[in-house]
N, C-alpha and C. Protein backbone atom coordinates (compact mmCIF):
# COMPACT_ATOMS: atom_id res chain seq x y z
N MET A 1 -35.83 27.69 93.68
CA MET A 1 -34.90 27.14 92.63
C MET A 1 -34.05 28.26 92.01
N ASN A 2 -32.77 28.01 92.03
CA ASN A 2 -31.97 29.03 91.43
C ASN A 2 -31.86 29.00 89.91
N ALA A 3 -31.25 29.98 89.30
CA ALA A 3 -31.14 30.03 87.87
C ALA A 3 -30.47 28.81 87.21
N GLY A 4 -29.47 28.29 87.92
CA GLY A 4 -28.77 27.12 87.36
C GLY A 4 -29.68 25.89 87.30
N GLN A 5 -30.39 25.71 88.38
CA GLN A 5 -31.26 24.57 88.50
C GLN A 5 -32.44 24.66 87.44
N MET A 6 -32.90 25.95 87.22
CA MET A 6 -33.91 26.14 86.20
C MET A 6 -33.40 25.77 84.85
N ILE A 7 -32.17 26.18 84.54
CA ILE A 7 -31.57 25.91 83.25
C ILE A 7 -31.50 24.39 83.01
N VAL A 8 -30.99 23.70 84.08
CA VAL A 8 -30.82 22.26 83.96
C VAL A 8 -32.21 21.57 83.82
N GLY A 9 -33.19 22.05 84.55
CA GLY A 9 -34.51 21.41 84.46
C GLY A 9 -35.08 21.68 83.08
N ASN A 10 -34.91 22.89 82.54
CA ASN A 10 -35.48 23.19 81.19
C ASN A 10 -34.75 22.40 80.13
N ALA A 11 -33.46 22.15 80.32
CA ALA A 11 -32.68 21.39 79.36
C ALA A 11 -33.12 19.96 79.37
N ARG A 12 -33.45 19.45 80.57
CA ARG A 12 -33.96 18.02 80.66
C ARG A 12 -35.34 17.89 79.97
N LYS A 13 -36.16 18.90 80.29
CA LYS A 13 -37.50 18.88 79.62
C LYS A 13 -37.38 18.91 78.06
N LEU A 14 -36.45 19.83 77.63
CA LEU A 14 -36.27 19.91 76.20
C LEU A 14 -35.72 18.61 75.64
N GLY A 15 -34.77 18.03 76.33
CA GLY A 15 -34.18 16.76 75.89
C GLY A 15 -35.28 15.66 75.81
N LEU A 16 -36.16 15.60 76.80
CA LEU A 16 -37.21 14.56 76.84
C LEU A 16 -38.22 14.88 75.64
N PHE A 17 -38.53 16.19 75.42
CA PHE A 17 -39.40 16.53 74.30
C PHE A 17 -38.81 16.10 72.97
N VAL A 18 -37.53 16.40 72.78
CA VAL A 18 -36.86 16.01 71.54
C VAL A 18 -36.81 14.51 71.40
N PHE A 19 -36.52 13.76 72.44
CA PHE A 19 -36.52 12.33 72.37
C PHE A 19 -37.85 11.72 72.05
N ALA A 20 -38.85 12.28 72.72
CA ALA A 20 -40.26 11.83 72.43
C ALA A 20 -40.70 12.11 71.00
N SER A 21 -40.33 13.30 70.54
CA SER A 21 -40.68 13.67 69.20
C SER A 21 -40.03 12.85 68.16
N THR A 22 -38.68 12.51 68.45
CA THR A 22 -37.90 11.68 67.52
C THR A 22 -38.52 10.24 67.53
N ALA A 23 -38.88 9.76 68.73
CA ALA A 23 -39.37 8.42 68.84
C ALA A 23 -40.72 8.31 68.04
N LEU A 24 -41.53 9.38 68.23
CA LEU A 24 -42.88 9.38 67.52
C LEU A 24 -42.69 9.38 66.02
N VAL A 25 -41.78 10.18 65.54
CA VAL A 25 -41.47 10.20 64.08
C VAL A 25 -41.04 8.91 63.63
N PHE A 26 -40.13 8.26 64.34
CA PHE A 26 -39.61 6.93 63.96
C PHE A 26 -40.74 5.86 63.94
N ILE A 27 -41.59 5.88 64.95
CA ILE A 27 -42.71 4.93 64.99
C ILE A 27 -43.61 5.18 63.86
N MET A 28 -43.99 6.42 63.58
CA MET A 28 -44.89 6.74 62.43
C MET A 28 -44.30 6.32 61.13
N PHE A 29 -42.95 6.50 60.98
CA PHE A 29 -42.30 6.06 59.75
C PHE A 29 -42.34 4.59 59.58
N PHE A 30 -42.05 3.88 60.65
CA PHE A 30 -42.07 2.41 60.66
C PHE A 30 -43.48 1.91 60.31
N VAL A 31 -44.48 2.43 60.99
CA VAL A 31 -45.85 2.00 60.75
C VAL A 31 -46.34 2.23 59.33
N THR A 32 -45.99 3.52 58.89
CA THR A 32 -46.35 3.85 57.47
C THR A 32 -45.62 3.02 56.45
N ARG A 33 -44.35 2.82 56.67
CA ARG A 33 -43.60 1.97 55.71
C ARG A 33 -44.08 0.61 55.65
N THR A 34 -44.43 0.05 56.83
CA THR A 34 -44.94 -1.31 56.88
C THR A 34 -46.28 -1.38 56.18
N GLN A 35 -47.11 -0.44 56.35
CA GLN A 35 -48.43 -0.41 55.69
C GLN A 35 -48.30 -0.26 54.19
N ILE A 36 -47.37 0.64 53.71
CA ILE A 36 -47.12 0.81 52.35
C ILE A 36 -46.59 -0.46 51.70
N GLN A 37 -45.70 -1.13 52.37
CA GLN A 37 -45.17 -2.40 51.88
C GLN A 37 -46.24 -3.47 51.77
N ALA A 38 -47.16 -3.52 52.77
CA ALA A 38 -48.27 -4.44 52.75
C ALA A 38 -49.16 -4.13 51.61
N ASN A 39 -49.47 -2.89 51.42
CA ASN A 39 -50.37 -2.45 50.28
C ASN A 39 -49.75 -2.81 48.96
N GLU A 40 -48.42 -2.60 48.80
CA GLU A 40 -47.74 -2.86 47.54
C GLU A 40 -47.75 -4.40 47.31
N ARG A 41 -47.52 -5.15 48.34
CA ARG A 41 -47.59 -6.64 48.21
C ARG A 41 -48.96 -7.12 47.80
N GLN A 42 -49.98 -6.57 48.36
CA GLN A 42 -51.38 -6.93 47.96
C GLN A 42 -51.72 -6.59 46.58
N VAL A 43 -51.27 -5.33 46.14
CA VAL A 43 -51.53 -4.97 44.71
C VAL A 43 -50.80 -5.94 43.81
N MET A 44 -49.56 -6.32 44.14
CA MET A 44 -48.80 -7.17 43.22
C MET A 44 -49.48 -8.56 43.17
N ILE A 45 -49.94 -9.07 44.30
CA ILE A 45 -50.55 -10.39 44.27
C ILE A 45 -51.83 -10.29 43.50
N THR A 46 -52.63 -9.27 43.62
CA THR A 46 -53.81 -9.08 42.85
C THR A 46 -53.55 -9.08 41.36
N GLN A 47 -52.51 -8.35 40.96
CA GLN A 47 -52.15 -8.29 39.55
C GLN A 47 -51.67 -9.67 39.07
N LEU A 48 -50.89 -10.35 39.86
CA LEU A 48 -50.44 -11.69 39.43
C LEU A 48 -51.67 -12.68 39.27
N ASN A 49 -52.55 -12.58 40.19
CA ASN A 49 -53.72 -13.42 40.11
C ASN A 49 -54.62 -13.12 38.95
N SER A 50 -54.50 -11.91 38.41
CA SER A 50 -55.32 -11.53 37.26
C SER A 50 -54.93 -12.33 36.01
N VAL A 51 -53.70 -12.86 35.95
CA VAL A 51 -53.30 -13.69 34.82
C VAL A 51 -53.24 -15.18 35.23
N LEU A 52 -53.66 -15.48 36.43
CA LEU A 52 -53.67 -16.89 36.87
C LEU A 52 -55.06 -17.28 37.29
N ALA A 53 -56.03 -16.65 36.82
CA ALA A 53 -57.42 -16.90 37.18
C ALA A 53 -57.84 -18.33 36.94
N SER A 54 -57.24 -18.97 35.91
CA SER A 54 -57.66 -20.29 35.56
C SER A 54 -56.74 -21.37 36.15
N VAL A 55 -55.85 -20.93 36.97
CA VAL A 55 -54.85 -21.86 37.54
C VAL A 55 -55.03 -22.03 39.10
N HIS A 56 -54.99 -23.29 39.53
CA HIS A 56 -54.99 -23.53 40.97
C HIS A 56 -53.56 -23.67 41.42
N TYR A 57 -53.11 -22.83 42.28
CA TYR A 57 -51.79 -22.97 42.87
C TYR A 57 -51.87 -22.74 44.34
N ASP A 58 -50.80 -23.22 45.11
CA ASP A 58 -50.91 -23.13 46.55
C ASP A 58 -49.65 -22.65 47.21
N ASN A 59 -48.75 -21.99 46.43
CA ASN A 59 -47.60 -21.42 46.99
C ASN A 59 -47.65 -19.88 47.08
N ASP A 60 -46.69 -19.30 47.78
CA ASP A 60 -46.60 -17.85 47.88
C ASP A 60 -45.82 -17.35 46.62
N LEU A 61 -46.50 -16.72 45.73
CA LEU A 61 -45.85 -16.32 44.47
C LEU A 61 -44.72 -15.38 44.73
N LEU A 62 -44.88 -14.45 45.63
CA LEU A 62 -43.73 -13.50 45.83
C LEU A 62 -42.49 -14.09 46.50
N ALA A 63 -42.68 -15.30 47.04
CA ALA A 63 -41.57 -16.02 47.63
C ALA A 63 -40.88 -16.89 46.50
N GLN A 64 -41.49 -16.88 45.35
CA GLN A 64 -40.93 -17.64 44.25
C GLN A 64 -40.55 -16.76 43.08
N THR A 65 -39.99 -15.56 43.45
CA THR A 65 -39.57 -14.57 42.40
C THR A 65 -38.22 -14.88 41.96
N ARG A 66 -38.01 -14.88 40.65
CA ARG A 66 -36.69 -14.99 39.98
C ARG A 66 -36.50 -13.84 39.05
N THR A 67 -35.31 -13.66 38.59
CA THR A 67 -35.03 -12.50 37.67
C THR A 67 -34.20 -12.99 36.47
N LEU A 68 -34.67 -12.66 35.32
CA LEU A 68 -33.87 -12.89 34.07
C LEU A 68 -32.87 -11.75 33.92
N THR A 69 -31.63 -12.05 33.80
CA THR A 69 -30.64 -11.06 33.58
C THR A 69 -30.15 -11.01 32.14
N ASP A 70 -30.40 -12.13 31.38
CA ASP A 70 -29.94 -12.07 29.91
C ASP A 70 -31.04 -11.41 29.11
N VAL A 71 -31.22 -10.13 29.42
CA VAL A 71 -32.37 -9.36 28.92
C VAL A 71 -32.25 -9.10 27.43
N ALA A 72 -31.06 -9.13 26.86
CA ALA A 72 -30.92 -8.80 25.43
C ALA A 72 -31.74 -9.82 24.57
N ALA A 73 -31.87 -11.06 25.04
CA ALA A 73 -32.52 -12.04 24.26
C ALA A 73 -34.06 -11.82 24.25
N THR A 74 -34.54 -11.14 25.29
CA THR A 74 -36.03 -10.87 25.35
C THR A 74 -36.40 -9.61 24.72
N GLY A 75 -35.48 -8.75 24.38
CA GLY A 75 -35.81 -7.52 23.72
C GLY A 75 -36.06 -6.34 24.73
N VAL A 76 -35.93 -6.60 25.99
CA VAL A 76 -36.03 -5.47 26.93
C VAL A 76 -34.67 -5.03 27.44
N THR A 77 -34.67 -3.96 28.25
CA THR A 77 -33.36 -3.39 28.62
C THR A 77 -33.14 -3.37 30.10
N THR A 78 -34.05 -3.99 30.86
CA THR A 78 -33.93 -4.06 32.27
C THR A 78 -34.15 -5.50 32.75
N PRO A 79 -33.57 -5.94 33.84
CA PRO A 79 -33.77 -7.31 34.33
C PRO A 79 -35.29 -7.52 34.48
N MET A 80 -35.71 -8.74 34.21
CA MET A 80 -37.17 -9.08 34.08
C MET A 80 -37.53 -10.10 35.16
N PRO A 81 -38.32 -9.69 36.20
CA PRO A 81 -38.78 -10.61 37.20
C PRO A 81 -39.76 -11.60 36.63
N TYR A 82 -39.71 -12.80 37.17
CA TYR A 82 -40.86 -13.75 36.85
C TYR A 82 -41.14 -14.58 38.06
N TYR A 83 -42.29 -15.14 38.11
CA TYR A 83 -42.80 -15.83 39.28
C TYR A 83 -43.26 -17.28 38.89
N LEU A 84 -43.02 -18.18 39.83
CA LEU A 84 -43.44 -19.55 39.64
C LEU A 84 -44.65 -19.84 40.50
N ALA A 85 -45.73 -20.32 39.84
CA ALA A 85 -46.89 -20.71 40.54
C ALA A 85 -46.82 -22.22 40.65
N LYS A 86 -46.98 -22.76 41.93
CA LYS A 86 -46.80 -24.23 42.09
C LYS A 86 -48.05 -24.80 42.77
N ARG A 87 -48.30 -26.09 42.45
CA ARG A 87 -49.26 -26.83 43.24
C ARG A 87 -48.53 -28.04 43.72
N GLY A 88 -48.45 -28.10 45.06
CA GLY A 88 -47.56 -29.04 45.66
C GLY A 88 -46.11 -28.64 45.31
N HIS A 89 -45.35 -29.58 44.67
CA HIS A 89 -44.00 -29.22 44.26
C HIS A 89 -43.89 -29.07 42.76
N ALA A 90 -45.02 -29.10 42.05
CA ALA A 90 -45.00 -29.02 40.61
C ALA A 90 -45.26 -27.54 40.15
N VAL A 91 -44.52 -27.06 39.14
CA VAL A 91 -44.79 -25.73 38.58
C VAL A 91 -46.00 -25.90 37.63
N VAL A 92 -47.00 -25.06 37.88
CA VAL A 92 -48.17 -25.18 37.08
C VAL A 92 -48.36 -23.90 36.17
N ALA A 93 -47.57 -22.86 36.41
CA ALA A 93 -47.58 -21.68 35.61
C ALA A 93 -46.40 -20.75 35.93
N LEU A 94 -46.13 -19.90 34.99
CA LEU A 94 -45.09 -18.86 35.20
C LEU A 94 -45.71 -17.50 34.86
N VAL A 95 -45.41 -16.47 35.61
CA VAL A 95 -45.87 -15.11 35.21
C VAL A 95 -44.58 -14.25 35.04
N PHE A 96 -44.54 -13.68 33.86
CA PHE A 96 -43.37 -12.83 33.49
C PHE A 96 -43.75 -11.37 33.56
N THR A 97 -42.86 -10.52 34.08
CA THR A 97 -43.01 -9.07 33.96
C THR A 97 -42.26 -8.62 32.71
N VAL A 98 -43.04 -8.14 31.69
CA VAL A 98 -42.43 -7.85 30.47
C VAL A 98 -42.67 -6.35 30.12
N THR A 99 -41.65 -5.72 29.53
CA THR A 99 -41.82 -4.31 29.02
C THR A 99 -41.70 -4.27 27.56
N ALA A 100 -42.78 -3.76 26.94
CA ALA A 100 -42.68 -3.40 25.50
C ALA A 100 -42.15 -2.00 25.40
N PRO A 101 -40.95 -1.85 24.96
CA PRO A 101 -40.25 -0.56 24.94
C PRO A 101 -40.74 0.45 23.92
N ASP A 102 -41.47 -0.02 22.93
CA ASP A 102 -41.83 0.75 21.79
C ASP A 102 -43.31 1.04 21.66
N GLY A 103 -43.92 1.39 22.80
CA GLY A 103 -45.30 1.88 22.71
C GLY A 103 -45.38 3.25 22.07
N TYR A 104 -46.54 3.74 21.76
CA TYR A 104 -46.70 5.02 21.07
C TYR A 104 -46.19 6.18 21.93
N SER A 105 -46.52 6.16 23.28
CA SER A 105 -46.17 7.17 24.12
C SER A 105 -45.08 6.78 25.16
N GLY A 106 -44.52 5.60 25.09
CA GLY A 106 -43.52 5.12 26.01
C GLY A 106 -43.67 3.67 26.27
N PRO A 107 -42.82 3.19 27.20
CA PRO A 107 -42.88 1.69 27.51
C PRO A 107 -44.28 1.26 28.00
N ILE A 108 -44.56 0.02 27.68
CA ILE A 108 -45.81 -0.59 28.20
C ILE A 108 -45.37 -1.82 29.01
N GLN A 109 -45.81 -1.82 30.28
CA GLN A 109 -45.49 -2.89 31.23
C GLN A 109 -46.63 -3.90 31.29
N MET A 110 -46.31 -5.20 31.24
CA MET A 110 -47.35 -6.17 31.21
C MET A 110 -46.97 -7.33 32.10
N LEU A 111 -47.94 -8.11 32.51
CA LEU A 111 -47.76 -9.38 33.15
C LEU A 111 -48.30 -10.37 32.16
N ILE A 112 -47.50 -11.46 31.86
CA ILE A 112 -47.84 -12.47 30.93
C ILE A 112 -47.83 -13.80 31.64
N GLY A 113 -48.89 -14.52 31.76
CA GLY A 113 -48.94 -15.83 32.36
C GLY A 113 -48.78 -16.85 31.26
N VAL A 114 -47.95 -17.85 31.59
CA VAL A 114 -47.54 -18.92 30.59
C VAL A 114 -47.60 -20.24 31.29
N THR A 115 -48.18 -21.28 30.60
CA THR A 115 -48.23 -22.60 31.16
C THR A 115 -46.77 -23.25 30.90
N PRO A 116 -46.51 -24.32 31.66
CA PRO A 116 -45.16 -25.01 31.45
C PRO A 116 -45.08 -25.44 29.97
N ALA A 117 -46.21 -25.71 29.25
CA ALA A 117 -46.13 -26.10 27.83
C ALA A 117 -45.94 -24.97 26.89
N GLY A 118 -45.99 -23.72 27.41
CA GLY A 118 -45.77 -22.56 26.52
C GLY A 118 -47.01 -21.92 26.02
N ASP A 119 -48.19 -22.27 26.56
CA ASP A 119 -49.43 -21.55 26.19
C ASP A 119 -49.64 -20.34 27.08
N VAL A 120 -50.13 -19.31 26.42
CA VAL A 120 -50.46 -17.99 27.15
C VAL A 120 -51.74 -18.28 27.99
N LEU A 121 -51.66 -17.97 29.23
CA LEU A 121 -52.87 -18.05 30.09
C LEU A 121 -53.60 -16.69 29.92
N ALA A 122 -52.99 -15.60 30.11
CA ALA A 122 -53.58 -14.29 29.99
C ALA A 122 -52.46 -13.24 29.93
N VAL A 123 -52.81 -12.12 29.46
CA VAL A 123 -51.92 -10.95 29.44
C VAL A 123 -52.66 -9.74 30.02
N ARG A 124 -51.95 -9.07 30.93
CA ARG A 124 -52.53 -7.81 31.54
C ARG A 124 -51.55 -6.72 31.50
N VAL A 125 -52.02 -5.58 31.05
CA VAL A 125 -51.21 -4.35 31.06
C VAL A 125 -51.27 -3.73 32.45
N ILE A 126 -50.14 -3.46 33.11
CA ILE A 126 -50.14 -2.92 34.45
C ILE A 126 -49.60 -1.48 34.50
N ALA A 127 -49.04 -1.00 33.46
CA ALA A 127 -48.58 0.38 33.42
C ALA A 127 -48.32 0.79 31.95
N HIS A 128 -48.76 2.00 31.66
CA HIS A 128 -48.52 2.53 30.27
C HIS A 128 -48.79 4.04 30.22
N GLN A 129 -48.48 4.61 29.12
CA GLN A 129 -48.70 6.07 28.99
C GLN A 129 -49.42 6.34 27.58
N GLU A 130 -50.14 5.37 27.11
CA GLU A 130 -50.77 5.44 25.82
C GLU A 130 -51.94 6.43 25.83
N THR A 131 -52.32 6.86 24.65
CA THR A 131 -53.32 7.88 24.51
C THR A 131 -54.70 7.46 24.98
N PRO A 132 -55.28 8.24 25.93
CA PRO A 132 -56.70 7.89 26.35
C PRO A 132 -57.63 7.88 25.17
N GLY A 133 -58.50 6.79 25.12
CA GLY A 133 -59.50 6.72 24.10
C GLY A 133 -58.98 6.02 22.80
N LEU A 134 -57.68 5.83 22.74
CA LEU A 134 -57.14 5.13 21.59
C LEU A 134 -56.23 3.94 22.10
N GLY A 135 -54.98 4.25 22.49
CA GLY A 135 -54.07 3.23 22.92
C GLY A 135 -54.39 2.58 24.26
N ASP A 136 -55.26 3.24 25.10
CA ASP A 136 -55.49 2.70 26.39
C ASP A 136 -56.48 1.50 26.27
N GLY A 137 -56.92 1.16 25.09
CA GLY A 137 -57.70 0.00 24.90
C GLY A 137 -57.02 -1.35 25.19
N ILE A 138 -55.74 -1.21 25.50
CA ILE A 138 -54.90 -2.35 25.89
C ILE A 138 -55.23 -2.75 27.37
N GLU A 139 -55.87 -1.88 28.06
CA GLU A 139 -56.25 -2.17 29.45
C GLU A 139 -57.53 -3.04 29.45
N ILE A 140 -57.58 -4.00 30.30
CA ILE A 140 -58.73 -4.93 30.34
C ILE A 140 -60.00 -4.19 30.77
N ARG A 141 -59.85 -3.18 31.60
CA ARG A 141 -61.05 -2.47 32.10
C ARG A 141 -61.62 -1.54 31.02
N LYS A 142 -60.80 -1.25 29.93
CA LYS A 142 -61.29 -0.45 28.89
C LYS A 142 -61.83 -1.22 27.70
N SER A 143 -61.21 -2.44 27.49
CA SER A 143 -61.55 -3.23 26.26
C SER A 143 -61.18 -4.66 26.45
N ALA A 144 -61.80 -5.56 25.77
CA ALA A 144 -61.51 -6.94 25.81
C ALA A 144 -60.32 -7.34 24.81
N TRP A 145 -59.75 -6.29 24.17
CA TRP A 145 -58.77 -6.53 23.11
C TRP A 145 -57.65 -7.46 23.62
N ILE A 146 -57.21 -7.30 24.80
CA ILE A 146 -56.03 -8.02 25.32
C ILE A 146 -56.35 -9.49 25.50
N THR A 147 -57.67 -9.92 25.56
CA THR A 147 -58.05 -11.31 25.84
C THR A 147 -57.86 -12.12 24.56
N GLN A 148 -57.58 -11.54 23.41
CA GLN A 148 -57.30 -12.38 22.25
C GLN A 148 -56.06 -13.26 22.34
N PHE A 149 -55.22 -12.98 23.37
CA PHE A 149 -54.01 -13.70 23.47
C PHE A 149 -54.21 -14.91 24.45
N ASP A 150 -55.35 -14.92 25.10
CA ASP A 150 -55.60 -16.14 25.98
C ASP A 150 -55.54 -17.38 25.24
N HIS A 151 -54.76 -18.39 25.77
CA HIS A 151 -54.61 -19.74 25.19
C HIS A 151 -53.87 -19.78 23.88
N GLN A 152 -53.27 -18.65 23.51
CA GLN A 152 -52.44 -18.66 22.36
C GLN A 152 -51.05 -19.29 22.59
N SER A 153 -50.44 -19.67 21.57
CA SER A 153 -49.01 -20.24 21.71
C SER A 153 -48.36 -20.25 20.35
N LEU A 154 -47.05 -20.50 20.37
CA LEU A 154 -46.33 -20.55 19.09
C LEU A 154 -46.79 -21.80 18.33
N GLY A 155 -47.30 -22.79 18.99
CA GLY A 155 -47.84 -23.95 18.29
C GLY A 155 -49.17 -23.67 17.57
N LYS A 156 -49.98 -22.77 18.06
CA LYS A 156 -51.25 -22.46 17.45
C LYS A 156 -51.11 -21.30 16.42
N THR A 157 -50.19 -20.40 16.70
CA THR A 157 -49.94 -19.32 15.72
C THR A 157 -48.44 -19.23 15.47
N ALA A 158 -48.03 -19.45 14.21
CA ALA A 158 -46.61 -19.39 13.88
C ALA A 158 -45.96 -18.12 14.22
N VAL A 159 -44.67 -18.20 14.55
CA VAL A 159 -43.90 -16.97 14.87
C VAL A 159 -44.08 -15.89 13.88
N ALA A 160 -44.11 -16.25 12.59
CA ALA A 160 -44.22 -15.26 11.52
C ALA A 160 -45.59 -14.55 11.54
N ASP A 161 -46.54 -15.10 12.20
CA ASP A 161 -47.89 -14.53 12.20
C ASP A 161 -48.17 -13.75 13.46
N TRP A 162 -47.20 -13.66 14.38
CA TRP A 162 -47.39 -12.87 15.55
C TRP A 162 -47.14 -11.35 15.28
N LYS A 163 -48.10 -10.87 14.49
CA LYS A 163 -48.17 -9.42 14.08
C LYS A 163 -49.63 -9.01 14.06
N VAL A 164 -49.86 -7.70 14.02
CA VAL A 164 -51.26 -7.27 13.86
C VAL A 164 -51.69 -7.51 12.40
N LYS A 165 -52.97 -7.56 12.23
CA LYS A 165 -53.48 -7.85 10.82
C LYS A 165 -53.04 -6.83 9.84
N LYS A 166 -52.84 -5.60 10.27
CA LYS A 166 -52.40 -4.54 9.31
C LYS A 166 -51.09 -4.86 8.75
N ASP A 167 -50.27 -5.59 9.52
CA ASP A 167 -48.92 -6.03 9.12
C ASP A 167 -48.90 -7.40 8.46
N GLY A 168 -50.08 -7.98 8.24
CA GLY A 168 -50.20 -9.32 7.67
C GLY A 168 -50.21 -10.43 8.66
N GLY A 169 -50.42 -10.05 9.93
CA GLY A 169 -50.40 -11.09 11.00
C GLY A 169 -51.81 -11.57 11.40
N ALA A 170 -51.84 -12.25 12.56
CA ALA A 170 -53.07 -12.91 12.97
C ALA A 170 -53.87 -12.15 14.00
N PHE A 171 -53.37 -11.03 14.54
CA PHE A 171 -54.04 -10.38 15.64
C PHE A 171 -54.60 -9.02 15.31
N ASP A 172 -55.79 -8.77 15.90
CA ASP A 172 -56.49 -7.52 15.67
C ASP A 172 -55.68 -6.36 16.25
N GLN A 173 -55.74 -5.24 15.52
CA GLN A 173 -55.27 -3.99 16.10
C GLN A 173 -56.49 -3.31 16.75
N MET A 174 -56.32 -2.02 17.07
CA MET A 174 -57.46 -1.26 17.63
C MET A 174 -57.82 -0.13 16.73
N THR A 175 -59.09 0.22 16.60
CA THR A 175 -59.50 1.36 15.76
C THR A 175 -58.75 2.61 16.06
N GLY A 176 -58.06 3.11 15.12
CA GLY A 176 -57.34 4.33 15.34
C GLY A 176 -55.97 4.21 15.94
N ALA A 177 -55.57 2.99 16.30
CA ALA A 177 -54.28 2.80 16.95
C ALA A 177 -53.61 1.47 16.47
N THR A 178 -52.44 1.65 15.89
CA THR A 178 -51.73 0.49 15.44
C THR A 178 -50.39 0.30 16.11
N ILE A 179 -49.73 1.41 16.53
CA ILE A 179 -48.41 1.33 17.10
C ILE A 179 -48.47 0.61 18.48
N THR A 180 -49.47 0.95 19.30
CA THR A 180 -49.63 0.37 20.53
C THR A 180 -49.84 -1.12 20.52
N PRO A 181 -50.80 -1.66 19.76
CA PRO A 181 -51.03 -3.12 19.74
C PRO A 181 -49.90 -3.79 19.07
N ARG A 182 -49.21 -3.14 18.10
CA ARG A 182 -48.05 -3.71 17.48
C ARG A 182 -46.96 -3.99 18.52
N ALA A 183 -46.74 -3.01 19.42
CA ALA A 183 -45.73 -3.19 20.45
C ALA A 183 -46.08 -4.32 21.40
N VAL A 184 -47.34 -4.41 21.73
CA VAL A 184 -47.79 -5.52 22.65
C VAL A 184 -47.60 -6.84 22.07
N VAL A 185 -48.06 -7.03 20.79
CA VAL A 185 -47.95 -8.27 20.07
C VAL A 185 -46.45 -8.70 20.04
N LYS A 186 -45.63 -7.76 19.64
CA LYS A 186 -44.18 -8.00 19.50
C LYS A 186 -43.56 -8.47 20.80
N ALA A 187 -43.90 -7.84 21.95
CA ALA A 187 -43.40 -8.19 23.21
C ALA A 187 -43.81 -9.59 23.59
N ILE A 188 -45.05 -9.97 23.41
CA ILE A 188 -45.52 -11.27 23.76
C ILE A 188 -44.82 -12.33 22.90
N ARG A 189 -44.63 -12.04 21.58
CA ARG A 189 -43.95 -12.96 20.66
C ARG A 189 -42.56 -13.22 21.17
N LYS A 190 -41.83 -12.14 21.46
CA LYS A 190 -40.46 -12.22 21.93
C LYS A 190 -40.34 -13.11 23.22
N LEU A 191 -41.30 -12.91 24.16
CA LEU A 191 -41.32 -13.74 25.32
C LEU A 191 -41.54 -15.19 24.99
N LEU A 192 -42.50 -15.51 24.20
CA LEU A 192 -42.79 -16.92 23.90
C LEU A 192 -41.66 -17.61 23.19
N VAL A 193 -40.99 -16.87 22.26
CA VAL A 193 -39.78 -17.42 21.56
C VAL A 193 -38.69 -17.67 22.64
N TYR A 194 -38.47 -16.77 23.51
CA TYR A 194 -37.52 -16.87 24.51
C TYR A 194 -37.80 -18.04 25.46
N TYR A 195 -39.06 -18.16 25.82
CA TYR A 195 -39.49 -19.22 26.71
C TYR A 195 -39.24 -20.62 26.07
N GLN A 196 -39.62 -20.62 24.82
CA GLN A 196 -39.42 -21.93 24.07
C GLN A 196 -37.98 -22.34 24.08
N ALA A 197 -37.08 -21.39 23.88
CA ALA A 197 -35.63 -21.71 23.81
C ALA A 197 -34.99 -22.01 25.23
N ASN A 198 -35.70 -21.54 26.31
CA ASN A 198 -35.13 -21.61 27.59
C ASN A 198 -36.00 -22.34 28.57
N GLU A 199 -36.92 -23.10 28.11
CA GLU A 199 -37.91 -23.72 28.96
C GLU A 199 -37.39 -24.48 30.16
N ALA A 200 -36.46 -25.33 29.95
CA ALA A 200 -35.88 -26.16 31.01
C ALA A 200 -35.36 -25.32 32.14
N ARG A 201 -34.62 -24.29 31.76
CA ARG A 201 -33.98 -23.38 32.78
C ARG A 201 -35.00 -22.53 33.51
N LEU A 202 -35.96 -22.07 32.79
CA LEU A 202 -37.00 -21.28 33.46
C LEU A 202 -37.88 -22.03 34.38
N LEU A 203 -38.10 -23.32 34.07
CA LEU A 203 -38.90 -24.17 34.87
C LEU A 203 -38.14 -24.88 36.04
N ARG A 204 -36.92 -24.60 36.15
CA ARG A 204 -36.14 -25.25 37.18
C ARG A 204 -36.76 -25.02 38.53
N ASN A 205 -37.01 -26.11 39.18
CA ASN A 205 -37.82 -26.10 40.41
C ASN A 205 -36.87 -26.32 41.60
N ASP A 206 -36.18 -25.25 42.01
CA ASP A 206 -35.24 -25.38 43.14
C ASP A 206 -36.00 -25.46 44.44
C-alpha cells in the first residue's frame, strides 16, 4: 500500500469514527432528553394529583392545559397555567398554578385545586425560598398548616376575612413567621376572587 492509499484509508477510518461518535452523542442526547421529559411529566402529574386526591377524574390532565394571559387581574406577573380534570365530558375540578410574588425570601409557587363551585380542594406549595424552620412550614411535608384551606371558599369565609389572624383575618399564621403565610393567603384569595368573576370562561369545556 502506497502513501496515498494509506492517507485515504486513514481518512476514511477517521470519517467513520467521527460519524459513529456523532451518532452516539445524538442517540444519547435523544434518550436522555426523552427520559428527562418523562420524569418531568411524572413529577407534574404527581404534584397535580396531590391537590386532586378527593376527586375522581379520567382524563389526561397535561392534555387539558390552558393558560391565563390576563395576569394583572390575578396579581401575578407571568402567564398562569391551569388544568381541567374531567370525568367523562364534565369538568370536576381545576388546578391552577399560582405564584405569590411577595414571600419573605422570594416568590412562592403553588398548585391550588378548585371545584367548579369555587371551593378549594387543596393547596400545595411546589417551590419556594422561605427560611428553613420558619417559612418552610408552608410545605405539607413539614407542617399541616397548608391544609387549613381545604374545603374553604368565598362563601364560607368572606373576602375581607381572607387574611391571617394577626391582620384580623380567619387564618392561622405560623409561629415566628407572618410574611410567608400572609403571602400565601393573599394569593389564594386573589385566585378565588378571580375565579368567581370568570367562572364561565374558565370552565369552558372545549
